[in-house]
Amino acid sequence: MAIRKIIWSVRAKIKRYEILKFYNERNKSNIYSIKLNRKINKDLRLLIRHPNLGTETDIMGVRGLIIENFILFYELDKNIIVVHYIWDSRQNPDELVIK
């Protein structure tokens, strides 16, 4: 079995940065942001071994992996896992655009 590689879309990278920055500013500390970032990385390593771990979405080929209050939307492409977006599930779902 070939090793799968994680690729973050530009939108997903920006959103991840914004989420971590928000918690740094809101909490006046980076402790939670570090914990959340570690959890995301840990779950991504698990996703590399078990790519169908996330639940199917209405968009063909896109799955959602729940990480605390967030959903990481990704797509499998041979040996690549493309992270399209990370979404805070406490937000209005009408504003969600995955791809």
N, C-alpha and C. Protein backbone atom coordinates (compact mmCIF):
# COMPACT_ATOMS: atom_id res chain seq x y z
N MET A 1 0.83 -1.18 0.00
CA MET A 1 0.00 0.00 0.00
C MET A 1 0.87 1.24 0.00
N ALA A 2 0.59 2.16 -0.89
CA ALA A 2 1.35 3.41 -0.96
C ALA A 2 0.92 4.34 0.17
N ILE A 3 1.83 5.18 0.58
CA ILE A 3 1.54 6.14 1.63
C ILE A 3 0.68 7.26 1.05
N ARG A 4 -0.41 7.58 1.73
CA ARG A 4 -1.26 8.68 1.29
C ARG A 4 -0.67 10.00 1.76
N LYS A 5 -0.92 11.02 0.98
CA LYS A 5 -0.41 12.35 1.30
C LYS A 5 -1.59 13.29 1.51
N ILE A 6 -1.48 14.16 2.51
CA ILE A 6 -2.51 15.16 2.79
C ILE A 6 -2.13 16.45 2.08
N ILE A 7 -3.09 17.00 1.33
CA ILE A 7 -2.90 18.29 0.68
C ILE A 7 -4.03 19.21 1.12
N TRP A 8 -3.68 20.36 1.65
CA TRP A 8 -4.67 21.35 2.09
C TRP A 8 -4.91 22.34 0.95
N SER A 9 -6.18 22.61 0.65
CA SER A 9 -6.49 23.66 -0.31
C SER A 9 -6.15 25.01 0.33
N VAL A 10 -6.01 26.01 -0.49
CA VAL A 10 -5.70 27.35 0.03
C VAL A 10 -6.80 27.81 0.98
N ARG A 11 -8.05 27.59 0.59
CA ARG A 11 -9.18 27.99 1.46
C ARG A 11 -9.13 27.28 2.80
N ALA A 12 -8.79 26.00 2.80
CA ALA A 12 -8.72 25.24 4.05
C ALA A 12 -7.58 25.74 4.94
N LYS A 13 -6.44 26.06 4.33
CA LYS A 13 -5.31 26.59 5.10
C LYS A 13 -5.68 27.91 5.75
N ILE A 14 -6.32 28.78 4.99
CA ILE A 14 -6.72 30.09 5.51
C ILE A 14 -7.72 29.93 6.64
N LYS A 15 -8.71 29.07 6.45
CA LYS A 15 -9.73 28.87 7.48
C LYS A 15 -9.12 28.28 8.75
N ARG A 16 -8.21 27.34 8.60
CA ARG A 16 -7.54 26.76 9.77
C ARG A 16 -6.78 27.84 10.53
N TYR A 17 -6.07 28.68 9.81
CA TYR A 17 -5.34 29.79 10.44
C TYR A 17 -6.30 30.72 11.16
N GLU A 18 -7.41 31.07 10.51
CA GLU A 18 -8.39 31.97 11.12
C GLU A 18 -8.99 31.39 12.40
N ILE A 19 -9.29 30.09 12.39
CA ILE A 19 -9.85 29.43 13.57
C ILE A 19 -8.85 29.47 14.73
N LEU A 20 -7.61 29.11 14.46
CA LEU A 20 -6.59 29.10 15.51
C LEU A 20 -6.32 30.51 16.03
N LYS A 21 -6.29 31.47 15.13
CA LYS A 21 -6.07 32.87 15.52
C LYS A 21 -7.23 33.37 16.38
N PHE A 22 -8.45 33.01 16.01
CA PHE A 22 -9.62 33.42 16.77
C PHE A 22 -9.52 32.96 18.22
N TYR A 23 -9.16 31.70 18.43
CA TYR A 23 -9.06 31.18 19.79
C TYR A 23 -7.89 31.78 20.55
N ASN A 24 -6.81 32.09 19.86
CA ASN A 24 -5.70 32.79 20.52
C ASN A 24 -6.17 34.13 21.06
N GLU A 25 -6.89 34.88 20.25
CA GLU A 25 -7.33 36.22 20.64
C GLU A 25 -8.45 36.15 21.68
N ARG A 26 -9.39 35.27 21.48
CA ARG A 26 -10.53 35.18 22.41
C ARG A 26 -10.08 34.72 23.79
N ASN A 27 -9.20 33.74 23.84
CA ASN A 27 -8.76 33.18 25.11
C ASN A 27 -7.55 33.90 25.71
N LYS A 28 -6.98 34.83 24.95
CA LYS A 28 -5.76 35.53 25.37
C LYS A 28 -4.65 34.54 25.72
N SER A 29 -4.67 33.42 25.01
CA SER A 29 -3.70 32.35 25.23
C SER A 29 -3.73 31.45 24.00
N ASN A 30 -2.61 30.78 23.75
CA ASN A 30 -2.58 29.85 22.62
C ASN A 30 -2.73 28.39 23.05
N ILE A 31 -3.06 28.16 24.30
CA ILE A 31 -3.15 26.78 24.81
C ILE A 31 -4.21 25.98 24.06
N TYR A 32 -5.42 26.52 23.92
CA TYR A 32 -6.47 25.77 23.23
C TYR A 32 -6.12 25.61 21.75
N SER A 33 -5.57 26.64 21.13
CA SER A 33 -5.21 26.55 19.71
C SER A 33 -4.18 25.45 19.47
N ILE A 34 -3.22 25.35 20.34
CA ILE A 34 -2.22 24.29 20.22
C ILE A 34 -2.88 22.93 20.37
N LYS A 35 -3.76 22.79 21.36
CA LYS A 35 -4.47 21.53 21.59
C LYS A 35 -5.32 21.15 20.38
N LEU A 36 -6.05 22.12 19.84
CA LEU A 36 -6.89 21.87 18.67
C LEU A 36 -6.05 21.49 17.46
N ASN A 37 -4.96 22.19 17.24
CA ASN A 37 -4.08 21.90 16.10
C ASN A 37 -3.50 20.49 16.21
N ARG A 38 -3.11 20.11 17.42
CA ARG A 38 -2.59 18.74 17.63
C ARG A 38 -3.67 17.70 17.34
N LYS A 39 -4.91 17.99 17.78
CA LYS A 39 -6.02 17.07 17.55
C LYS A 39 -6.29 16.92 16.06
N ILE A 40 -6.26 18.02 15.33
CA ILE A 40 -6.46 17.98 13.87
C ILE A 40 -5.38 17.12 13.23
N ASN A 41 -4.12 17.35 13.59
CA ASN A 41 -3.02 16.58 13.02
C ASN A 41 -3.11 15.10 13.38
N LYS A 42 -3.50 14.80 14.62
CA LYS A 42 -3.66 13.41 15.05
C LYS A 42 -4.75 12.71 14.24
N ASP A 43 -5.88 13.39 14.07
CA ASP A 43 -6.97 12.79 13.31
C ASP A 43 -6.63 12.66 11.83
N LEU A 44 -5.83 13.57 11.30
CA LEU A 44 -5.38 13.44 9.91
C LEU A 44 -4.47 12.23 9.73
N ARG A 45 -3.62 11.97 10.71
CA ARG A 45 -2.77 10.77 10.64
C ARG A 45 -3.63 9.50 10.65
N LEU A 46 -4.70 9.52 11.42
CA LEU A 46 -5.63 8.40 11.45
C LEU A 46 -6.35 8.28 10.10
N LEU A 47 -6.67 9.41 9.51
CA LEU A 47 -7.35 9.44 8.21
C LEU A 47 -6.45 8.87 7.11
N ILE A 48 -5.16 9.06 7.22
CA ILE A 48 -4.23 8.52 6.23
C ILE A 48 -4.34 6.99 6.19
N ARG A 49 -4.48 6.38 7.36
CA ARG A 49 -4.60 4.91 7.42
C ARG A 49 -6.00 4.42 7.11
N HIS A 50 -7.00 5.23 7.44
CA HIS A 50 -8.40 4.84 7.25
C HIS A 50 -9.15 5.96 6.52
N PRO A 51 -8.96 6.10 5.22
CA PRO A 51 -9.48 7.24 4.48
C PRO A 51 -11.01 7.33 4.42
N ASN A 52 -11.71 6.26 4.65
CA ASN A 52 -13.17 6.30 4.62
C ASN A 52 -13.77 6.52 6.01
N LEU A 53 -12.96 7.00 6.93
CA LEU A 53 -13.38 7.22 8.30
C LEU A 53 -14.49 8.27 8.40
N GLY A 54 -14.39 9.31 7.62
CA GLY A 54 -15.39 10.38 7.67
C GLY A 54 -16.72 9.94 7.06
N THR A 55 -17.75 10.72 7.34
CA THR A 55 -19.08 10.39 6.81
C THR A 55 -19.25 10.99 5.42
N GLU A 56 -20.06 10.34 4.61
CA GLU A 56 -20.34 10.84 3.26
C GLU A 56 -21.15 12.13 3.35
N THR A 57 -20.95 13.00 2.38
CA THR A 57 -21.72 14.23 2.28
C THR A 57 -22.60 14.18 1.04
N ASP A 58 -23.36 15.24 0.82
CA ASP A 58 -24.20 15.31 -0.37
C ASP A 58 -23.38 15.56 -1.64
N ILE A 59 -22.13 15.97 -1.48
CA ILE A 59 -21.26 16.22 -2.62
C ILE A 59 -20.51 14.93 -2.93
N MET A 60 -20.64 14.47 -4.16
CA MET A 60 -20.04 13.19 -4.54
C MET A 60 -18.52 13.19 -4.30
N GLY A 61 -18.06 12.19 -3.57
CA GLY A 61 -16.63 12.03 -3.33
C GLY A 61 -16.10 12.78 -2.12
N VAL A 62 -16.89 13.67 -1.55
CA VAL A 62 -16.44 14.47 -0.41
C VAL A 62 -16.98 13.86 0.87
N ARG A 63 -16.10 13.73 1.85
CA ARG A 63 -16.46 13.17 3.15
C ARG A 63 -16.18 14.22 4.22
N GLY A 64 -16.81 14.06 5.37
CA GLY A 64 -16.61 14.99 6.47
C GLY A 64 -16.13 14.26 7.71
N LEU A 65 -15.03 14.72 8.27
CA LEU A 65 -14.47 14.13 9.48
C LEU A 65 -14.73 15.10 10.63
N ILE A 66 -15.45 14.63 11.65
CA ILE A 66 -15.77 15.47 12.79
C ILE A 66 -14.60 15.49 13.76
N ILE A 67 -14.16 16.70 14.08
CA ILE A 67 -13.07 16.92 15.03
C ILE A 67 -13.55 17.97 16.01
N GLU A 68 -13.91 17.55 17.20
CA GLU A 68 -14.51 18.41 18.21
C GLU A 68 -15.73 19.11 17.61
N ASN A 69 -15.74 20.45 17.56
CA ASN A 69 -16.88 21.19 17.02
C ASN A 69 -16.69 21.54 15.54
N PHE A 70 -15.75 20.91 14.90
CA PHE A 70 -15.41 21.23 13.52
C PHE A 70 -15.63 20.02 12.61
N ILE A 71 -15.86 20.32 11.35
CA ILE A 71 -15.96 19.26 10.34
C ILE A 71 -14.90 19.56 9.29
N LEU A 72 -14.05 18.59 9.07
CA LEU A 72 -13.00 18.71 8.07
C LEU A 72 -13.50 17.99 6.82
N PHE A 73 -13.73 18.75 5.75
CA PHE A 73 -14.23 18.18 4.50
C PHE A 73 -13.06 17.82 3.60
N TYR A 74 -13.06 16.58 3.14
CA TYR A 74 -11.92 16.10 2.34
C TYR A 74 -12.42 15.19 1.23
N GLU A 75 -11.51 14.95 0.30
CA GLU A 75 -11.80 14.11 -0.86
C GLU A 75 -10.60 13.21 -1.12
N LEU A 76 -10.89 11.97 -1.48
CA LEU A 76 -9.83 11.02 -1.80
C LEU A 76 -9.55 11.05 -3.29
N ASP A 77 -8.27 11.04 -3.65
CA ASP A 77 -7.87 10.99 -5.05
C ASP A 77 -6.64 10.10 -5.14
N LYS A 78 -6.87 8.82 -5.39
CA LYS A 78 -5.80 7.81 -5.42
C LYS A 78 -5.06 7.82 -4.08
N ASN A 79 -3.82 8.27 -4.06
CA ASN A 79 -3.03 8.28 -2.83
C ASN A 79 -2.92 9.67 -2.22
N ILE A 80 -3.86 10.53 -2.56
CA ILE A 80 -3.88 11.90 -2.04
C ILE A 80 -5.21 12.14 -1.33
N ILE A 81 -5.14 12.78 -0.19
CA ILE A 81 -6.34 13.24 0.51
C ILE A 81 -6.31 14.76 0.44
N VAL A 82 -7.30 15.33 -0.22
CA VAL A 82 -7.38 16.78 -0.39
C VAL A 82 -8.34 17.33 0.65
N VAL A 83 -7.84 18.18 1.53
CA VAL A 83 -8.69 18.85 2.52
C VAL A 83 -9.23 20.10 1.85
N HIS A 84 -10.55 20.13 1.66
CA HIS A 84 -11.17 21.26 0.98
C HIS A 84 -11.52 22.40 1.92
N TYR A 85 -11.96 22.05 3.14
CA TYR A 85 -12.43 23.11 4.04
C TYR A 85 -12.53 22.57 5.45
N ILE A 86 -12.41 23.45 6.41
CA ILE A 86 -12.66 23.11 7.80
C ILE A 86 -13.74 24.06 8.30
N TRP A 87 -14.78 23.51 8.88
CA TRP A 87 -15.98 24.27 9.19
C TRP A 87 -16.33 24.15 10.67
N ASP A 88 -16.61 25.28 11.30
CA ASP A 88 -17.10 25.27 12.67
C ASP A 88 -18.58 24.93 12.61
N SER A 89 -18.96 23.79 13.12
CA SER A 89 -20.33 23.30 12.97
C SER A 89 -21.35 24.11 13.78
N ARG A 90 -20.89 25.08 14.57
CA ARG A 90 -21.81 25.93 15.31
C ARG A 90 -22.25 27.14 14.49
N GLN A 91 -21.74 27.27 13.28
CA GLN A 91 -22.10 28.37 12.41
C GLN A 91 -23.35 28.03 11.60
N ASN A 92 -23.89 29.04 10.93
CA ASN A 92 -25.07 28.85 10.10
C ASN A 92 -24.72 27.95 8.91
N PRO A 93 -25.36 26.79 8.78
CA PRO A 93 -25.01 25.87 7.69
C PRO A 93 -25.35 26.41 6.31
N ASP A 94 -26.22 27.42 6.23
CA ASP A 94 -26.55 28.00 4.93
C ASP A 94 -25.36 28.73 4.31
N GLU A 95 -24.38 29.08 5.13
CA GLU A 95 -23.20 29.81 4.65
C GLU A 95 -22.05 28.88 4.25
N LEU A 96 -22.23 27.59 4.42
CA LEU A 96 -21.17 26.62 4.13
C LEU A 96 -21.01 26.39 2.64
N VAL A 97 -19.79 26.60 2.16
CA VAL A 97 -19.41 26.28 0.78
C VAL A 97 -18.16 25.42 0.88
N ILE A 98 -18.27 24.18 0.48
CA ILE A 98 -17.16 23.23 0.67
C ILE A 98 -16.12 23.36 -0.44
N LYS A 99 -16.56 23.38 -1.68
CA LYS A 99 -15.62 23.43 -2.81
C LYS A 99 -15.80 24.71 -3.58
